[in-house]
Amino acid sequence: MAYDDLRSLLRALEREGDLKRIKAEVDPYLEIGEIVDRVNKAGGPALLFENVKGSAMPLAMNVFGTDRRLLKALGLKSYAEISEKIGGLLKPELPQGFVGVREAFGKLGSMVHVPPKKIKGEAPVQEVVLTGDDVDLDQLPALFTWPKDGGSFFNLGLTHTKHPETGVRNLGLYRLQRHDKRTIGMHWQIHKDSRNHYAVAAKRGERLPVAIAFGCPPAVTYASTAPLPGDIDEYLFAGFVAGKRIEMVDCKTVPLQVPANAEVVIEGWLEPGETLPEGPFGDHTGFYTPQEPFPALKIDCVTMRKRPLLQSIVVGRPPTEDGPLGRATERFFLPLLKIIVPDIVDYHLPESGGFHNCAIVSIDKKYPKHAQKVMHAIWGAHMMSLTKLIIVVDSDCDVHDLHEVSWRALGNTDYSRDLTIVEGPVDHLDHASYQQFWGGKAGIDATKKLPEEGYTRDGGWPDMVESDPATAALVDRRWKEYGL
């Protein structure tokens, strides 16, 4: 099973030699970011900075920086464990569409009995309670990672809100700019559920309660990154991934619940229309996102453990700690994506595309323009709608082998017929679109072409050249014999 809290995971990593304690004083202004980025890109260990300049709080970094560490944190041997479990529970009934996805999660929840569990009394995260003028966010280590950033940011704070009318909870992961000792900037992008909650509350002339938890149980942290439909509880999904119910506790000053085993929680209310300039910020695209006005949250209360620690990540050009989190999502959600687009055999979201700019999809092609049908289905599938490039290949192509995919997409296509160009929504952070929020998209049909699609070359679609099996076997034997 997954670890119950962050500190127990760190202890386990240290026992295995996969965590390095940094006792020297390090500066959250540029220095920590430079260290972590280098260590992550080298495939190095998790880091625990014990002496962060300006803060008494240790800072855990690169905790999920390798697939091995994330799998360990979630209590898994492979990402396929969860996808196979989801797929197995959904068979033989494969519900269709988004309603089907919601029904599927309801079924999963009822079968594995993992709804979140509210505990009574004080929780570990509420051993220390600070309110009013005692609140000082400068005591929490925030990172100034890139030279042109607009300030210091918390990059792994799990934001809790609920819909003002339905009461449906949302857990999301958004960057948080520290404006002053009691104010946080909420970077809520246009497609995010929390932004919708804020818009509904503002329209009603109401404040929106917000709670942000740091250093949460690993399954909860992962669930905050998962692209779930808005009315599916991330804590149900976290419990399903962890194989156990997540313990929750009521906040002290807002009507929300947070993980009882988190390290730090900040609570506050968002007033309608109160914004501050947020950014610039060196983002996962490898570019700075520009400064924009975003809601400004006034913090009324901070709760924490007696000796808390914070967890954060470095956001920047791939590869980064986003990599394992994105690969987990890719594998976990394959069975659910197949519910929406049953034509899909497998798919791959390359990290170099930020996991949302490009999707490589394999299908069992059955009729003319089948690939184009799948492209448009993906562009209509929840957050997959933000995909800018879709490459469709036949099922005999390994979508994870980018050399094989490139060979088919670059050499086996006629772009006058096999290229589909459309316009649609793109990610809020997309820096390449000529205007914000929407732009051009492309689909490449790299499948074997059918005569009905106008392929009329003599001899039909050529097969790949393969070695003669007998010759290949002979060379295999000689290869071993001569130690080549």
Protein backbone atom coordinates (compact mmCIF):
# COMPACT_ATOMS: atom_id res chain seq x y z
CA MET A 1 0.00 0.00 0.00
CA ALA A 2 0.96 3.64 -0.39
CA TYR A 3 2.71 5.51 2.42
CA ASP A 4 0.44 7.24 4.94
CA ASP A 5 2.45 10.46 5.00
CA LEU A 6 5.44 12.20 3.47
CA ARG A 7 7.84 11.70 6.37
CA SER A 8 7.43 7.91 6.45
CA LEU A 9 8.24 7.81 2.73
CA LEU A 10 11.36 9.93 3.28
CA ARG A 11 12.54 7.60 6.05
CA ALA A 12 12.12 4.62 3.75
CA LEU A 13 14.01 6.34 0.93
CA GLU A 14 16.85 7.21 3.30
CA ARG A 15 17.14 3.59 4.47
CA GLU A 16 17.55 2.56 0.84
CA GLY A 17 20.15 5.23 0.09
CA ASP A 18 17.76 7.11 -2.20
CA LEU A 19 17.59 10.33 -0.16
CA LYS A 20 20.37 12.82 0.44
CA ARG A 21 20.32 15.21 3.40
CA ILE A 22 21.77 18.65 2.66
CA LYS A 23 23.00 20.19 5.91
CA ALA A 24 24.73 23.26 4.45
CA GLU A 25 22.72 26.49 4.27
CA VAL A 26 21.10 26.84 0.86
CA ASP A 27 19.30 29.84 -0.61
CA PRO A 28 15.74 29.46 -1.97
CA TYR A 29 16.62 32.33 -4.32
CA LEU A 30 17.90 30.49 -7.45
CA GLU A 31 20.34 28.16 -5.61
CA ILE A 32 17.91 25.41 -4.60
CA GLY A 33 16.31 25.44 -8.04
CA GLU A 34 19.69 25.04 -9.74
CA ILE A 35 20.67 22.16 -7.45
CA VAL A 36 17.39 20.30 -7.85
CA ASP A 37 17.24 20.75 -11.62
CA ARG A 38 20.73 19.29 -12.02
CA VAL A 39 20.05 16.37 -9.67
CA ASN A 40 16.73 15.54 -11.32
CA LYS A 41 18.12 15.59 -14.85
CA ALA A 42 20.95 13.29 -13.70
CA GLY A 43 18.46 10.81 -12.22
CA GLY A 44 19.72 11.55 -8.71
CA PRO A 45 18.16 10.95 -5.28
CA ALA A 46 15.47 12.73 -3.33
CA LEU A 47 16.83 15.73 -1.44
CA LEU A 48 16.08 17.04 2.04
CA PHE A 49 17.38 20.58 2.57
CA GLU A 50 17.68 20.89 6.34
CA ASN A 51 18.99 24.46 6.48
CA VAL A 52 16.99 26.70 4.12
CA LYS A 53 17.99 30.34 4.35
CA GLY A 54 15.23 32.43 5.97
CA SER A 55 13.19 29.45 7.20
CA ALA A 56 13.36 26.95 10.04
CA MET A 57 11.45 24.41 7.96
CA PRO A 58 13.26 21.60 6.08
CA LEU A 59 12.38 21.33 2.39
CA ALA A 60 11.93 17.99 0.60
CA MET A 61 12.62 18.06 -3.15
CA ASN A 62 12.82 15.60 -6.04
CA VAL A 63 10.81 13.10 -3.99
CA PHE A 64 8.94 11.82 -7.07
CA GLY A 65 11.85 12.48 -9.42
CA THR A 66 12.18 8.88 -10.68
CA ASP A 67 9.61 6.26 -11.63
CA ARG A 68 11.00 3.97 -8.93
CA ARG A 69 10.40 6.53 -6.17
CA LEU A 70 6.90 7.44 -7.31
CA LEU A 71 5.91 3.78 -7.60
CA LYS A 72 7.32 3.14 -4.14
CA ALA A 73 5.43 6.13 -2.75
CA LEU A 74 2.17 4.77 -4.19
CA GLY A 75 2.86 1.19 -3.10
CA LEU A 76 3.07 -0.12 -6.67
CA LYS A 77 5.49 -2.31 -8.62
CA SER A 78 4.43 -0.84 -11.96
CA TYR A 79 1.98 1.75 -13.27
CA ALA A 80 0.18 -1.10 -15.04
CA GLU A 81 -1.06 -2.40 -11.68
CA ILE A 82 -3.60 0.39 -11.38
CA SER A 83 -4.59 0.45 -15.06
CA GLU A 84 -5.13 -3.33 -15.02
CA LYS A 85 -7.15 -3.04 -11.81
CA ILE A 86 -9.34 -0.33 -13.31
CA GLY A 87 -9.75 -2.23 -16.58
CA GLY A 88 -10.58 -5.46 -14.80
CA LEU A 89 -13.25 -3.88 -12.61
CA LEU A 90 -14.92 -2.21 -15.59
CA LYS A 91 -15.31 -5.41 -17.58
CA PRO A 92 -17.49 -6.86 -19.01
CA GLU A 93 -19.60 -3.71 -18.93
CA LEU A 94 -17.78 -0.89 -20.69
CA PRO A 95 -19.84 2.27 -20.11
CA GLN A 96 -19.77 4.99 -22.74
CA GLY A 97 -19.03 8.73 -22.54
CA PHE A 98 -18.42 11.00 -19.57
CA VAL A 99 -21.50 9.72 -17.75
CA GLY A 100 -19.96 6.29 -18.11
CA VAL A 101 -16.69 7.53 -16.64
CA ARG A 102 -18.51 8.88 -13.59
CA GLU A 103 -20.44 5.62 -13.22
CA ALA A 104 -17.20 3.70 -13.56
CA PHE A 105 -15.58 5.63 -10.72
CA GLY A 106 -18.68 5.14 -8.61
CA LYS A 107 -18.44 1.44 -9.23
CA LEU A 108 -14.74 1.41 -8.39
CA GLY A 109 -15.37 3.30 -5.17
CA SER A 110 -18.14 0.98 -4.04
CA MET A 111 -16.13 -2.13 -4.83
CA VAL A 112 -12.90 -1.21 -3.06
CA HIS A 113 -14.45 0.79 -0.19
CA VAL A 114 -12.05 3.72 -0.28
CA PRO A 115 -14.07 6.90 0.28
CA PRO A 116 -12.20 9.43 2.45
CA LYS A 117 -12.65 9.03 6.20
CA LYS A 118 -13.21 11.99 8.51
CA ILE A 119 -11.43 11.67 11.85
CA LYS A 120 -12.58 13.20 15.13
CA GLY A 121 -10.48 15.42 17.33
CA GLU A 122 -7.10 16.94 16.57
CA ALA A 123 -5.07 15.70 13.63
CA PRO A 124 -1.26 15.65 13.27
CA VAL A 125 -1.48 18.63 10.90
CA GLN A 126 -3.20 20.67 13.62
CA GLU A 127 -0.66 20.25 16.42
CA VAL A 128 0.23 23.93 15.95
CA VAL A 129 -2.40 26.55 15.06
CA LEU A 130 -1.55 30.15 14.09
CA THR A 131 -4.16 32.80 13.38
CA GLY A 132 -4.38 36.50 12.57
CA ASP A 133 -1.13 38.46 12.94
CA ASP A 134 0.74 35.29 13.96
CA VAL A 135 0.46 34.09 10.37
CA ASP A 136 3.77 34.63 8.54
CA LEU A 137 4.15 32.93 5.16
CA ASP A 138 7.77 34.10 5.02
CA GLN A 139 8.52 31.28 7.45
CA LEU A 140 7.58 28.76 4.76
CA PRO A 141 10.36 28.08 2.20
CA ALA A 142 9.10 29.34 -1.18
CA LEU A 143 11.30 29.06 -4.27
CA PHE A 144 12.53 31.80 -6.58
CA THR A 145 13.62 29.34 -9.27
CA TRP A 146 14.39 31.24 -12.49
CA PRO A 147 16.04 34.68 -12.89
CA LYS A 148 13.01 36.40 -14.44
CA ASP A 149 10.37 34.94 -12.11
CA GLY A 150 8.03 37.53 -10.64
CA GLY A 151 8.61 36.39 -7.06
CA SER A 152 8.80 33.33 -4.82
CA PHE A 153 6.41 30.44 -5.38
CA PHE A 154 5.08 27.36 -3.64
CA ASN A 155 4.93 24.72 -6.38
CA LEU A 156 3.38 21.76 -4.58
CA GLY A 157 0.53 23.18 -2.51
CA LEU A 158 -2.66 21.14 -2.89
CA THR A 159 -5.58 23.53 -3.24
CA HIS A 160 -9.01 22.58 -1.86
CA THR A 161 -12.24 24.31 -2.90
CA LYS A 162 -15.86 23.30 -3.31
CA HIS A 163 -18.57 24.37 -5.73
CA PRO A 164 -20.70 27.04 -4.03
CA GLU A 165 -23.96 25.50 -5.30
CA THR A 166 -23.37 21.75 -5.50
CA GLY A 167 -20.83 21.42 -2.70
CA VAL A 168 -18.69 19.13 -4.87
CA ARG A 169 -15.10 19.22 -3.68
CA ASN A 170 -12.12 19.87 -5.95
CA LEU A 171 -8.47 19.16 -5.26
CA GLY A 172 -6.02 20.81 -7.65
CA LEU A 173 -2.35 21.57 -8.03
CA TYR A 174 -1.60 25.17 -8.99
CA ARG A 175 1.43 27.35 -8.51
CA LEU A 176 1.10 29.82 -5.64
CA GLN A 177 2.95 33.13 -5.59
CA ARG A 178 3.75 34.49 -2.14
CA HIS A 179 2.83 38.19 -2.34
CA ASP A 180 3.40 39.01 1.33
CA LYS A 181 3.22 37.46 4.80
CA ARG A 182 -0.51 36.79 4.52
CA THR A 183 -1.33 36.82 0.81
CA ILE A 184 -1.05 34.11 -1.86
CA GLY A 185 -1.68 34.45 -5.59
CA MET A 186 -3.92 31.70 -7.01
CA HIS A 187 -2.87 30.78 -10.55
CA TRP A 188 -6.22 29.36 -11.64
CA GLN A 189 -6.16 28.76 -15.37
CA ILE A 190 -9.28 29.15 -17.47
CA HIS A 191 -9.92 25.41 -17.85
CA LYS A 192 -9.55 24.55 -14.15
CA ASP A 193 -12.39 23.57 -11.81
CA SER A 194 -11.28 25.86 -8.96
CA ARG A 195 -11.49 28.85 -11.29
CA ASN A 196 -15.08 27.87 -12.03
CA HIS A 197 -15.82 27.63 -8.30
CA TYR A 198 -14.42 31.13 -7.81
CA ALA A 199 -16.42 32.50 -10.76
CA VAL A 200 -19.68 31.02 -9.43
CA ALA A 201 -19.04 32.41 -5.94
CA ALA A 202 -18.20 35.86 -7.33
CA LYS A 203 -21.37 35.88 -9.42
CA ARG A 204 -23.36 35.19 -6.26
CA GLY A 205 -21.45 37.95 -4.43
CA GLU A 206 -19.95 35.44 -2.02
CA ARG A 207 -16.48 34.70 -0.68
CA LEU A 208 -14.90 31.37 -1.58
CA PRO A 209 -13.24 29.30 1.16
CA VAL A 210 -9.83 27.88 0.23
CA ALA A 211 -7.45 25.51 2.02
CA ILE A 212 -3.97 24.66 0.74
CA ALA A 213 -2.16 21.59 2.08
CA PHE A 214 1.59 20.94 1.85
CA GLY A 215 3.48 17.70 2.39
CA CYS A 216 0.45 15.46 1.87
CA PRO A 217 0.28 11.65 1.69
CA PRO A 218 1.80 10.65 -1.67
CA ALA A 219 -1.41 9.23 -3.15
CA VAL A 220 -3.18 12.52 -2.41
CA THR A 221 -0.39 14.55 -3.99
CA TYR A 222 -0.58 12.39 -7.11
CA ALA A 223 -4.39 12.61 -7.25
CA SER A 224 -4.19 16.41 -7.25
CA THR A 225 -2.39 16.20 -10.62
CA ALA A 226 -4.84 13.76 -12.21
CA PRO A 227 -7.12 15.23 -14.95
CA LEU A 228 -10.40 14.00 -13.48
CA PRO A 229 -13.83 15.28 -14.55
CA GLY A 230 -15.02 18.04 -12.24
CA ASP A 231 -17.61 16.02 -10.32
CA ILE A 232 -15.31 13.11 -9.47
CA ASP A 233 -13.74 13.32 -6.00
CA GLU A 234 -9.94 13.26 -6.14
CA TYR A 235 -9.93 11.74 -2.65
CA LEU A 236 -11.88 8.74 -3.90
CA PHE A 237 -9.27 8.28 -6.62
CA ALA A 238 -6.44 8.74 -4.10
CA GLY A 239 -7.97 6.05 -1.91
CA PHE A 240 -8.30 3.74 -4.89
CA VAL A 241 -4.64 4.25 -5.84
CA ALA A 242 -3.45 3.91 -2.24
CA GLY A 243 -5.65 0.90 -1.51
CA LYS A 244 -6.95 2.50 1.69
CA ARG A 245 -9.18 5.32 2.87
CA ILE A 246 -7.59 8.76 3.18
CA GLU A 247 -8.01 10.32 6.63
CA MET A 248 -9.42 13.86 6.58
CA VAL A 249 -9.98 16.53 9.20
CA ASP A 250 -12.11 19.67 9.31
CA CYS A 251 -10.22 22.93 8.81
CA LYS A 252 -10.13 25.41 11.68
CA THR A 253 -11.52 28.53 9.94
CA VAL A 254 -13.05 27.42 6.61
CA PRO A 255 -15.74 24.79 5.84
CA LEU A 256 -13.38 22.39 4.08
CA GLN A 257 -11.54 19.18 4.89
CA VAL A 258 -7.82 18.46 4.39
CA PRO A 259 -5.55 15.42 4.85
CA ALA A 260 -5.07 14.74 8.55
CA ASN A 261 -1.47 13.64 7.90
CA ALA A 262 -0.36 16.65 5.89
CA GLU A 263 2.56 18.74 7.15
CA VAL A 264 1.19 22.29 6.79
CA VAL A 265 -2.21 23.76 5.86
CA ILE A 266 -3.06 27.39 5.12
CA GLU A 267 -6.67 28.58 5.20
CA GLY A 268 -8.37 31.68 3.90
CA TRP A 269 -11.22 33.30 1.97
CA LEU A 270 -11.18 34.74 -1.53
CA GLU A 271 -13.13 37.96 -1.88
CA PRO A 272 -14.92 38.50 -5.23
CA GLY A 273 -12.87 40.55 -7.67
CA GLU A 274 -9.73 40.87 -5.52
CA THR A 275 -6.74 40.17 -7.76
CA LEU A 276 -3.04 40.96 -7.91
CA PRO A 277 -0.49 40.71 -10.74
CA GLU A 278 0.90 37.15 -10.77
CA GLY A 279 4.08 36.01 -12.56
CA PRO A 280 6.11 35.92 -14.71
CA PHE A 281 6.99 32.29 -13.99
CA GLY A 282 9.43 29.90 -15.65
CA ASP A 283 7.02 27.12 -16.52
CA HIS A 284 7.10 23.48 -17.62
CA THR A 285 7.02 24.66 -21.22
CA GLY A 286 10.58 25.95 -20.83
CA PHE A 287 9.31 29.52 -21.33
CA TYR A 288 8.21 32.25 -18.95
CA THR A 289 4.46 32.68 -18.69
CA PRO A 290 3.63 36.40 -18.65
CA GLN A 291 2.30 38.39 -15.75
CA GLU A 292 -1.52 38.34 -15.46
CA PRO A 293 -4.05 39.31 -12.77
CA PHE A 294 -5.13 36.32 -10.65
CA PRO A 295 -7.17 36.02 -7.43
CA ALA A 296 -5.33 36.98 -4.24
CA LEU A 297 -6.05 34.82 -1.18
CA LYS A 298 -5.78 36.36 2.30
CA ILE A 299 -4.58 33.79 4.83
CA ASP A 300 -6.35 33.76 8.18
CA CYS A 301 -4.95 30.56 9.67
CA VAL A 302 -1.96 28.22 9.38
CA THR A 303 -1.94 24.77 10.97
CA MET A 304 1.03 22.44 11.04
CA ARG A 305 2.82 19.62 12.79
CA LYS A 306 5.18 20.46 15.66
CA ARG A 307 8.28 19.98 13.51
CA PRO A 308 6.90 20.38 9.98
CA LEU A 309 8.63 20.04 6.67
CA LEU A 310 7.57 21.28 3.26
CA GLN A 311 7.62 19.56 -0.11
CA SER A 312 8.08 21.33 -3.42
CA ILE A 313 9.17 20.70 -7.00
CA VAL A 314 11.14 22.56 -9.65
CA VAL A 315 9.09 23.46 -12.72
CA GLY A 316 10.94 23.97 -15.98
CA ARG A 317 11.99 22.48 -19.27
CA PRO A 318 11.65 18.66 -19.32
CA PRO A 319 12.80 16.35 -17.97
CA THR A 320 11.67 17.35 -14.49
CA GLU A 321 9.79 15.78 -11.59
CA ASP A 322 6.64 16.19 -13.69
CA GLY A 323 7.87 13.21 -15.73
CA PRO A 324 6.97 10.30 -13.42
CA LEU A 325 3.69 12.00 -12.44
CA GLY A 326 2.74 12.35 -16.11
CA ARG A 327 3.69 8.77 -16.94
CA ALA A 328 1.56 7.54 -14.06
CA THR A 329 -1.43 9.48 -15.41
CA GLU A 330 -0.86 8.14 -18.91
CA ARG A 331 -1.00 4.53 -17.73
CA PHE A 332 -3.69 4.93 -15.07
CA PHE A 333 -6.14 6.58 -17.44
CA LEU A 334 -5.79 4.28 -20.46
CA PRO A 335 -8.83 2.13 -19.46
CA LEU A 336 -10.93 5.25 -18.85
CA LEU A 337 -9.85 6.85 -22.14
CA LYS A 338 -10.90 3.64 -23.87
CA ILE A 339 -14.38 4.13 -22.43
CA ILE A 340 -14.62 7.49 -24.21
CA VAL A 341 -12.75 6.40 -27.37
CA PRO A 342 -13.04 2.59 -27.58
CA ASP A 343 -11.09 2.51 -30.87
CA ILE A 344 -7.83 3.14 -28.96
CA VAL A 345 -5.48 0.20 -28.46
CA ASP A 346 -2.73 2.14 -26.68
CA TYR A 347 -1.49 5.72 -26.37
CA HIS A 348 1.58 7.67 -25.34
CA LEU A 349 1.93 11.24 -24.10
CA PRO A 350 5.59 12.26 -24.57
CA GLU A 351 7.12 14.18 -21.69
CA SER A 352 8.82 16.48 -24.21
CA GLY A 353 5.34 17.60 -25.20
CA GLY A 354 4.41 18.42 -21.63
CA PHE A 355 2.07 15.39 -21.60
CA HIS A 356 -0.70 17.43 -23.22
CA ASN A 357 0.69 18.91 -26.44
CA CYS A 358 1.12 15.58 -28.25
CA ALA A 359 -0.69 12.24 -28.15
CA ILE A 360 0.47 9.17 -30.08
CA VAL A 361 -2.41 6.72 -30.52
CA SER A 362 -2.59 3.23 -31.98
CA ILE A 363 -5.77 1.71 -33.43
CA ASP A 364 -6.98 -1.42 -35.20
CA LYS A 365 -7.94 0.33 -38.40
CA LYS A 366 -11.24 -0.95 -39.78
CA TYR A 367 -12.51 1.53 -42.38
CA PRO A 368 -11.51 4.59 -44.43
CA LYS A 369 -10.67 7.70 -42.37
CA HIS A 370 -10.84 5.74 -39.14
CA ALA A 371 -7.78 7.66 -37.94
CA GLN A 372 -9.52 11.00 -38.48
CA LYS A 373 -12.54 9.80 -36.51
CA VAL A 374 -10.25 8.98 -33.56
CA MET A 375 -8.51 12.37 -33.78
CA HIS A 376 -11.78 14.26 -33.45
CA ALA A 377 -12.97 11.98 -30.64
CA ILE A 378 -9.80 12.77 -28.67
CA TRP A 379 -10.23 16.50 -29.28
CA GLY A 380 -13.65 16.16 -27.66
CA ALA A 381 -12.50 14.13 -24.64
CA HIS A 382 -12.31 16.26 -21.49
CA MET A 383 -8.76 17.64 -20.95
CA MET A 384 -7.50 15.73 -24.00
CA SER A 385 -9.20 18.57 -25.88
CA LEU A 386 -6.02 20.61 -25.30
CA THR A 387 -3.88 18.21 -27.35
CA LYS A 388 -2.16 20.09 -30.18
CA LEU A 389 -0.74 17.15 -32.17
CA ILE A 390 -2.25 13.69 -32.55
CA ILE A 391 -0.35 10.97 -34.40
CA VAL A 392 -2.39 7.88 -35.23
CA VAL A 393 -0.55 4.63 -36.03
CA ASP A 394 -1.57 1.02 -36.57
CA SER A 395 -1.70 -1.38 -33.63
CA ASP A 396 1.52 -3.14 -34.69
CA CYS A 397 3.44 0.05 -33.84
CA ASP A 398 4.78 0.50 -30.31
CA VAL A 399 3.55 4.00 -29.39
CA HIS A 400 6.34 4.31 -26.81
CA ASP A 401 9.06 3.71 -29.41
CA LEU A 402 9.50 7.25 -30.71
CA HIS A 403 11.94 6.08 -33.40
CA GLU A 404 9.33 3.70 -34.82
CA VAL A 405 6.58 6.34 -34.55
CA SER A 406 8.78 8.92 -36.28
CA TRP A 407 9.62 6.47 -39.08
CA ARG A 408 5.93 6.04 -39.80
CA ALA A 409 4.85 9.65 -39.30
CA LEU A 410 7.72 11.19 -41.25
CA GLY A 411 8.16 8.71 -44.07
CA ASN A 412 4.88 6.88 -44.54
CA THR A 413 2.52 9.80 -44.96
CA ASP A 414 1.33 12.06 -47.76
CA TYR A 415 0.69 15.34 -46.00
CA SER A 416 -1.67 16.62 -48.68
CA ARG A 417 -4.10 13.86 -47.63
CA ASP A 418 -2.90 12.53 -44.29
CA LEU A 419 -2.65 15.82 -42.41
CA THR A 420 -5.72 17.23 -40.62
CA ILE A 421 -5.63 20.88 -39.47
CA VAL A 422 -8.23 22.25 -37.05
CA GLU A 423 -8.60 25.03 -34.49
CA GLY A 424 -9.64 24.61 -30.90
CA PRO A 425 -8.82 25.23 -27.24
CA VAL A 426 -5.20 25.07 -26.10
CA ASP A 427 -3.63 25.18 -22.68
CA HIS A 428 -3.76 28.50 -20.82
CA LEU A 429 0.05 28.40 -20.64
CA ASP A 430 0.60 27.73 -24.35
CA HIS A 431 3.19 30.24 -25.55
CA ALA A 432 3.05 29.34 -29.25
CA SER A 433 -0.56 30.25 -30.02
CA TYR A 434 -1.08 33.65 -31.65
CA GLN A 435 -3.82 34.45 -29.15
CA GLN A 436 -4.54 33.10 -25.69
CA PHE A 437 -6.69 30.01 -25.02
CA TRP A 438 -7.15 28.75 -28.60
CA GLY A 439 -5.03 27.91 -31.59
CA GLY A 440 -4.20 25.48 -34.38
CA LYS A 441 -4.01 21.71 -33.99
CA ALA A 442 -2.83 18.96 -36.31
CA GLY A 443 -3.53 15.27 -36.73
CA ILE A 444 -1.23 12.95 -38.68
CA ASP A 445 -2.70 9.77 -40.12
CA ALA A 446 0.31 7.45 -40.14
CA THR A 447 -1.75 4.28 -40.54
CA LYS A 448 -1.64 1.90 -43.49
CA LYS A 449 -3.79 3.40 -46.24
CA LEU A 450 -6.74 1.58 -47.78
CA PRO A 451 -7.75 1.55 -51.47
CA GLU A 452 -11.01 3.25 -50.42
CA GLU A 453 -8.93 6.18 -49.16
CA GLY A 454 -7.57 6.77 -52.66
CA TYR A 455 -4.35 4.80 -52.38
CA THR A 456 -3.90 3.49 -55.96
CA ARG A 457 -0.17 2.74 -56.28
CA ASP A 458 0.59 -0.53 -58.10
CA GLY A 459 1.45 -3.33 -55.69
CA GLY A 460 -0.56 -1.86 -52.85
CA TRP A 461 0.81 -0.58 -49.57
CA PRO A 462 4.40 -1.86 -49.29
CA ASP A 463 5.42 -4.14 -46.46
CA MET A 464 8.51 -3.39 -44.41
CA VAL A 465 11.68 -5.20 -45.44
CA GLU A 466 12.51 -7.93 -42.95
CA SER A 467 15.47 -10.29 -42.58
CA ASP A 468 15.17 -13.87 -43.78
CA PRO A 469 14.39 -15.86 -40.58
CA ALA A 470 16.91 -18.60 -41.32
CA THR A 471 19.69 -16.09 -42.03
CA ALA A 472 18.82 -14.10 -38.92
CA ALA A 473 18.99 -17.25 -36.75
CA LEU A 474 22.37 -18.19 -38.27
CA VAL A 475 23.81 -14.74 -37.55
CA ASP A 476 22.43 -14.90 -34.00
CA ARG A 477 24.39 -18.09 -33.37
CA ARG A 478 27.58 -16.71 -34.91
CA TRP A 479 27.12 -13.46 -32.95
CA LYS A 480 27.22 -15.39 -29.68
CA GLU A 481 30.03 -17.65 -30.88
CA TYR A 482 32.35 -14.74 -31.61
CA GLY A 483 31.23 -12.61 -28.68
CA LEU A 484 30.09 -9.72 -30.86
